[in-house]
Amino acid sequence: MFGIGMQELIIIAIIALLIVGPKKLPDLAKTLGRGFSEFKKATEGVTEDLRDTLKEDESPKNDDAWKDSLLMKKPDDKEVRPDSSGKASD
């Protein structure tokens, strides 16, 4: 757990007990526990969103329909030819 051994935890607990006091220490521990829990849930949500995004990016894309719609566009049947005045007529 964060690379902290038993001796360090005991020292931290004694310092917290002296600073906060014995009556408020359980409330502080509950608050910290809830905060860490919410932080963990939030990071798991972000991680899951990133995994979903990466899965979507890695999946093969089917662009054939899009390419076909661009390539198979039918040309206009009428050709625009200039008449004797130099203007285009339909």
N, C-alpha and C. Protein backbone atom coordinates (compact mmCIF):
# COMPACT_ATOMS: atom_id res chain seq x y z
N MET A 1 0.85 -1.18 0.00
CA MET A 1 0.00 0.00 0.00
C MET A 1 0.89 1.24 0.00
N PHE A 2 1.11 1.83 -1.13
CA PHE A 2 1.91 3.04 -1.30
C PHE A 2 3.34 2.86 -0.81
N GLY A 3 3.81 1.65 -0.62
CA GLY A 3 5.17 1.41 -0.16
C GLY A 3 5.38 1.80 1.29
N ILE A 4 4.31 1.82 2.08
CA ILE A 4 4.41 2.20 3.49
C ILE A 4 4.36 0.93 4.33
N GLY A 5 5.32 0.79 5.24
CA GLY A 5 5.36 -0.36 6.11
C GLY A 5 4.54 -0.15 7.38
N MET A 6 4.54 -1.15 8.24
CA MET A 6 3.75 -1.10 9.47
C MET A 6 4.26 0.00 10.41
N GLN A 7 5.55 0.17 10.51
CA GLN A 7 6.11 1.21 11.40
C GLN A 7 5.68 2.60 10.96
N GLU A 8 5.71 2.85 9.64
CA GLU A 8 5.30 4.16 9.14
C GLU A 8 3.82 4.41 9.40
N LEU A 9 2.99 3.37 9.23
CA LEU A 9 1.56 3.53 9.50
C LEU A 9 1.30 3.86 10.97
N ILE A 10 2.02 3.23 11.88
CA ILE A 10 1.86 3.51 13.31
C ILE A 10 2.25 4.95 13.62
N ILE A 11 3.35 5.41 13.05
CA ILE A 11 3.79 6.80 13.28
C ILE A 11 2.75 7.78 12.73
N ILE A 12 2.24 7.52 11.54
CA ILE A 12 1.22 8.39 10.95
C ILE A 12 -0.04 8.40 11.81
N ALA A 13 -0.45 7.24 12.32
CA ALA A 13 -1.64 7.16 13.17
C ALA A 13 -1.45 7.93 14.47
N ILE A 14 -0.27 7.86 15.07
CA ILE A 14 0.00 8.58 16.32
C ILE A 14 -0.02 10.09 16.06
N ILE A 15 0.59 10.52 14.97
CA ILE A 15 0.60 11.96 14.65
C ILE A 15 -0.82 12.44 14.37
N ALA A 16 -1.60 11.66 13.61
CA ALA A 16 -2.99 12.04 13.33
C ALA A 16 -3.80 12.10 14.61
N LEU A 17 -3.58 11.17 15.53
CA LEU A 17 -4.29 11.15 16.80
C LEU A 17 -3.95 12.39 17.63
N LEU A 18 -2.70 12.80 17.61
CA LEU A 18 -2.30 14.00 18.36
C LEU A 18 -2.85 15.27 17.72
N ILE A 19 -2.85 15.34 16.40
CA ILE A 19 -3.29 16.56 15.73
C ILE A 19 -4.82 16.68 15.74
N VAL A 20 -5.52 15.64 15.37
CA VAL A 20 -6.98 15.70 15.22
C VAL A 20 -7.69 15.46 16.54
N GLY A 21 -7.19 14.56 17.32
CA GLY A 21 -7.84 14.22 18.58
C GLY A 21 -8.60 12.91 18.46
N PRO A 22 -8.82 12.25 19.59
CA PRO A 22 -9.46 10.92 19.54
C PRO A 22 -10.93 10.95 19.16
N LYS A 23 -11.62 12.07 19.38
CA LYS A 23 -13.05 12.13 19.07
C LYS A 23 -13.31 12.34 17.58
N LYS A 24 -12.47 13.11 16.92
CA LYS A 24 -12.69 13.42 15.51
C LYS A 24 -11.95 12.47 14.57
N LEU A 25 -11.08 11.64 15.08
CA LEU A 25 -10.30 10.75 14.23
C LEU A 25 -11.17 9.74 13.46
N PRO A 26 -12.19 9.11 14.06
CA PRO A 26 -13.04 8.20 13.27
C PRO A 26 -13.79 8.90 12.13
N ASP A 27 -14.26 10.13 12.40
CA ASP A 27 -14.94 10.89 11.34
C ASP A 27 -13.98 11.22 10.20
N LEU A 28 -12.77 11.57 10.56
CA LEU A 28 -11.76 11.87 9.55
C LEU A 28 -11.44 10.62 8.73
N ALA A 29 -11.34 9.48 9.38
CA ALA A 29 -11.07 8.23 8.67
C ALA A 29 -12.21 7.89 7.72
N LYS A 30 -13.46 8.08 8.15
CA LYS A 30 -14.61 7.80 7.27
C LYS A 30 -14.59 8.73 6.06
N THR A 31 -14.30 9.99 6.30
CA THR A 31 -14.27 10.95 5.20
C THR A 31 -13.17 10.60 4.21
N LEU A 32 -12.00 10.25 4.70
CA LEU A 32 -10.91 9.86 3.81
C LEU A 32 -11.25 8.59 3.04
N GLY A 33 -11.88 7.64 3.71
CA GLY A 33 -12.28 6.41 3.04
C GLY A 33 -13.27 6.66 1.91
N ARG A 34 -14.26 7.51 2.17
CA ARG A 34 -15.22 7.86 1.13
C ARG A 34 -14.55 8.59 -0.04
N GLY A 35 -13.63 9.48 0.31
CA GLY A 35 -12.92 10.22 -0.74
C GLY A 35 -12.10 9.30 -1.62
N PHE A 36 -11.37 8.37 -1.01
CA PHE A 36 -10.59 7.42 -1.79
C PHE A 36 -11.48 6.52 -2.63
N SER A 37 -12.63 6.13 -2.07
CA SER A 37 -13.57 5.28 -2.80
C SER A 37 -14.11 6.00 -4.03
N GLU A 38 -14.52 7.25 -3.89
CA GLU A 38 -15.02 8.02 -5.01
C GLU A 38 -13.93 8.25 -6.06
N PHE A 39 -12.70 8.51 -5.58
CA PHE A 39 -11.59 8.70 -6.51
C PHE A 39 -11.34 7.42 -7.31
N LYS A 40 -11.40 6.28 -6.65
CA LYS A 40 -11.18 5.00 -7.33
C LYS A 40 -12.27 4.75 -8.36
N LYS A 41 -13.53 5.03 -8.02
CA LYS A 41 -14.63 4.85 -8.97
C LYS A 41 -14.46 5.77 -10.18
N ALA A 42 -14.04 7.00 -9.94
CA ALA A 42 -13.86 7.94 -11.04
C ALA A 42 -12.73 7.50 -11.96
N THR A 43 -11.63 7.03 -11.40
CA THR A 43 -10.52 6.59 -12.24
C THR A 43 -10.89 5.32 -13.01
N GLU A 44 -11.68 4.44 -12.41
CA GLU A 44 -12.13 3.24 -13.13
C GLU A 44 -13.04 3.62 -14.28
N GLY A 45 -13.89 4.63 -14.08
CA GLY A 45 -14.77 5.09 -15.15
C GLY A 45 -13.99 5.67 -16.32
N VAL A 46 -12.98 6.46 -16.02
CA VAL A 46 -12.15 7.05 -17.07
C VAL A 46 -11.39 5.95 -17.80
N THR A 47 -10.86 4.99 -17.05
CA THR A 47 -10.13 3.88 -17.65
C THR A 47 -11.03 3.08 -18.57
N GLU A 48 -12.26 2.82 -18.15
CA GLU A 48 -13.20 2.07 -18.98
C GLU A 48 -13.56 2.84 -20.24
N ASP A 49 -13.74 4.15 -20.13
CA ASP A 49 -14.02 4.97 -21.31
C ASP A 49 -12.86 4.93 -22.30
N LEU A 50 -11.64 5.00 -21.79
CA LEU A 50 -10.47 4.93 -22.66
C LEU A 50 -10.38 3.57 -23.35
N ARG A 51 -10.66 2.50 -22.63
CA ARG A 51 -10.63 1.17 -23.23
C ARG A 51 -11.68 1.05 -24.33
N ASP A 52 -12.88 1.57 -24.08
CA ASP A 52 -13.93 1.52 -25.10
C ASP A 52 -13.53 2.31 -26.34
N THR A 53 -12.93 3.47 -26.13
CA THR A 53 -12.50 4.30 -27.25
C THR A 53 -11.41 3.59 -28.05
N LEU A 54 -10.47 2.97 -27.38
CA LEU A 54 -9.41 2.26 -28.08
C LEU A 54 -9.95 1.07 -28.84
N LYS A 55 -10.94 0.38 -28.27
CA LYS A 55 -11.55 -0.75 -28.99
C LYS A 55 -12.23 -0.28 -30.26
N GLU A 56 -12.90 0.86 -30.20
CA GLU A 56 -13.56 1.41 -31.38
C GLU A 56 -12.53 1.80 -32.44
N ASP A 57 -11.40 2.37 -32.01
CA ASP A 57 -10.36 2.76 -32.96
C ASP A 57 -9.68 1.55 -33.59
N GLU A 58 -9.55 0.46 -32.85
CA GLU A 58 -8.86 -0.72 -33.35
C GLU A 58 -9.75 -1.56 -34.27
N SER A 59 -11.06 -1.41 -34.17
CA SER A 59 -11.95 -2.22 -34.98
C SER A 59 -11.82 -1.80 -36.45
N PRO A 60 -11.89 -2.77 -37.37
CA PRO A 60 -11.76 -2.43 -38.79
C PRO A 60 -12.96 -1.60 -39.24
N LYS A 61 -12.66 -0.60 -40.01
CA LYS A 61 -13.72 0.30 -40.47
C LYS A 61 -14.19 -0.15 -41.85
N ASN A 62 -15.46 -0.07 -42.08
CA ASN A 62 -16.05 -0.42 -43.36
C ASN A 62 -16.40 0.87 -44.09
N ASP A 63 -15.47 1.34 -44.89
CA ASP A 63 -15.67 2.58 -45.63
C ASP A 63 -16.10 2.32 -47.06
N ASP A 64 -16.40 1.06 -47.41
CA ASP A 64 -16.74 0.74 -48.79
C ASP A 64 -17.99 1.48 -49.25
N ALA A 65 -19.00 1.55 -48.41
CA ALA A 65 -20.23 2.23 -48.81
C ALA A 65 -19.97 3.71 -49.07
N TRP A 66 -19.15 4.31 -48.25
CA TRP A 66 -18.82 5.72 -48.42
C TRP A 66 -18.03 5.93 -49.71
N LYS A 67 -17.07 5.05 -49.96
CA LYS A 67 -16.27 5.16 -51.18
C LYS A 67 -17.13 4.95 -52.42
N ASP A 68 -18.01 3.94 -52.36
CA ASP A 68 -18.87 3.66 -53.49
C ASP A 68 -19.80 4.83 -53.78
N SER A 69 -20.31 5.45 -52.74
CA SER A 69 -21.22 6.57 -52.97
C SER A 69 -20.50 7.73 -53.65
N LEU A 70 -19.22 7.89 -53.37
CA LEU A 70 -18.47 8.96 -54.03
C LEU A 70 -18.06 8.57 -55.45
N LEU A 71 -17.65 7.33 -55.63
CA LEU A 71 -17.14 6.91 -56.93
C LEU A 71 -18.26 6.59 -57.93
N MET A 72 -19.40 6.15 -57.45
CA MET A 72 -20.47 5.74 -58.34
C MET A 72 -21.45 6.86 -58.64
N LYS A 73 -21.07 8.06 -58.36
CA LYS A 73 -21.96 9.19 -58.65
C LYS A 73 -22.17 9.28 -60.15
N LYS A 74 -23.43 9.30 -60.55
CA LYS A 74 -23.76 9.32 -61.97
C LYS A 74 -23.52 10.71 -62.54
N PRO A 75 -22.84 10.76 -63.67
CA PRO A 75 -22.63 12.07 -64.30
C PRO A 75 -23.92 12.57 -64.94
N ASP A 76 -23.99 13.86 -65.14
CA ASP A 76 -25.16 14.44 -65.78
C ASP A 76 -25.25 13.93 -67.21
N ASP A 77 -26.48 13.64 -67.70
CA ASP A 77 -26.66 13.14 -69.06
C ASP A 77 -26.49 14.25 -70.09
N LYS A 78 -26.78 15.46 -69.72
CA LYS A 78 -26.68 16.58 -70.65
C LYS A 78 -25.26 17.11 -70.65
N GLU A 79 -24.77 17.34 -71.81
CA GLU A 79 -23.49 18.01 -71.91
C GLU A 79 -23.77 19.47 -72.22
N VAL A 80 -23.04 20.33 -71.62
CA VAL A 80 -23.22 21.75 -71.86
C VAL A 80 -22.28 22.14 -72.98
N ARG A 81 -22.87 22.57 -74.10
CA ARG A 81 -22.07 22.97 -75.26
C ARG A 81 -22.30 24.45 -75.53
N PRO A 82 -21.25 25.15 -75.78
CA PRO A 82 -21.44 26.57 -76.12
C PRO A 82 -22.08 26.71 -77.49
N ASP A 83 -22.99 27.69 -77.66
CA ASP A 83 -23.59 27.93 -78.96
C ASP A 83 -22.74 28.94 -79.71
N SER A 84 -23.25 29.44 -80.80
CA SER A 84 -22.47 30.32 -81.66
C SER A 84 -22.13 31.65 -80.98
N SER A 85 -22.90 32.05 -79.96
CA SER A 85 -22.62 33.32 -79.28
C SER A 85 -21.53 33.18 -78.21
N GLY A 86 -21.13 31.94 -77.91
CA GLY A 86 -20.08 31.74 -76.92
C GLY A 86 -20.63 31.45 -75.54
N LYS A 87 -21.97 31.52 -75.38
CA LYS A 87 -22.59 31.23 -74.10
C LYS A 87 -22.97 29.77 -74.05
N ALA A 88 -22.98 29.24 -72.87
CA ALA A 88 -23.37 27.84 -72.69
C ALA A 88 -24.87 27.72 -72.73
N SER A 89 -25.36 26.69 -73.39
CA SER A 89 -26.80 26.47 -73.43
C SER A 89 -27.13 25.13 -72.83
N ASP A 90 -28.36 25.00 -72.26
CA ASP A 90 -28.72 23.72 -71.67
C ASP A 90 -29.51 22.90 -72.62
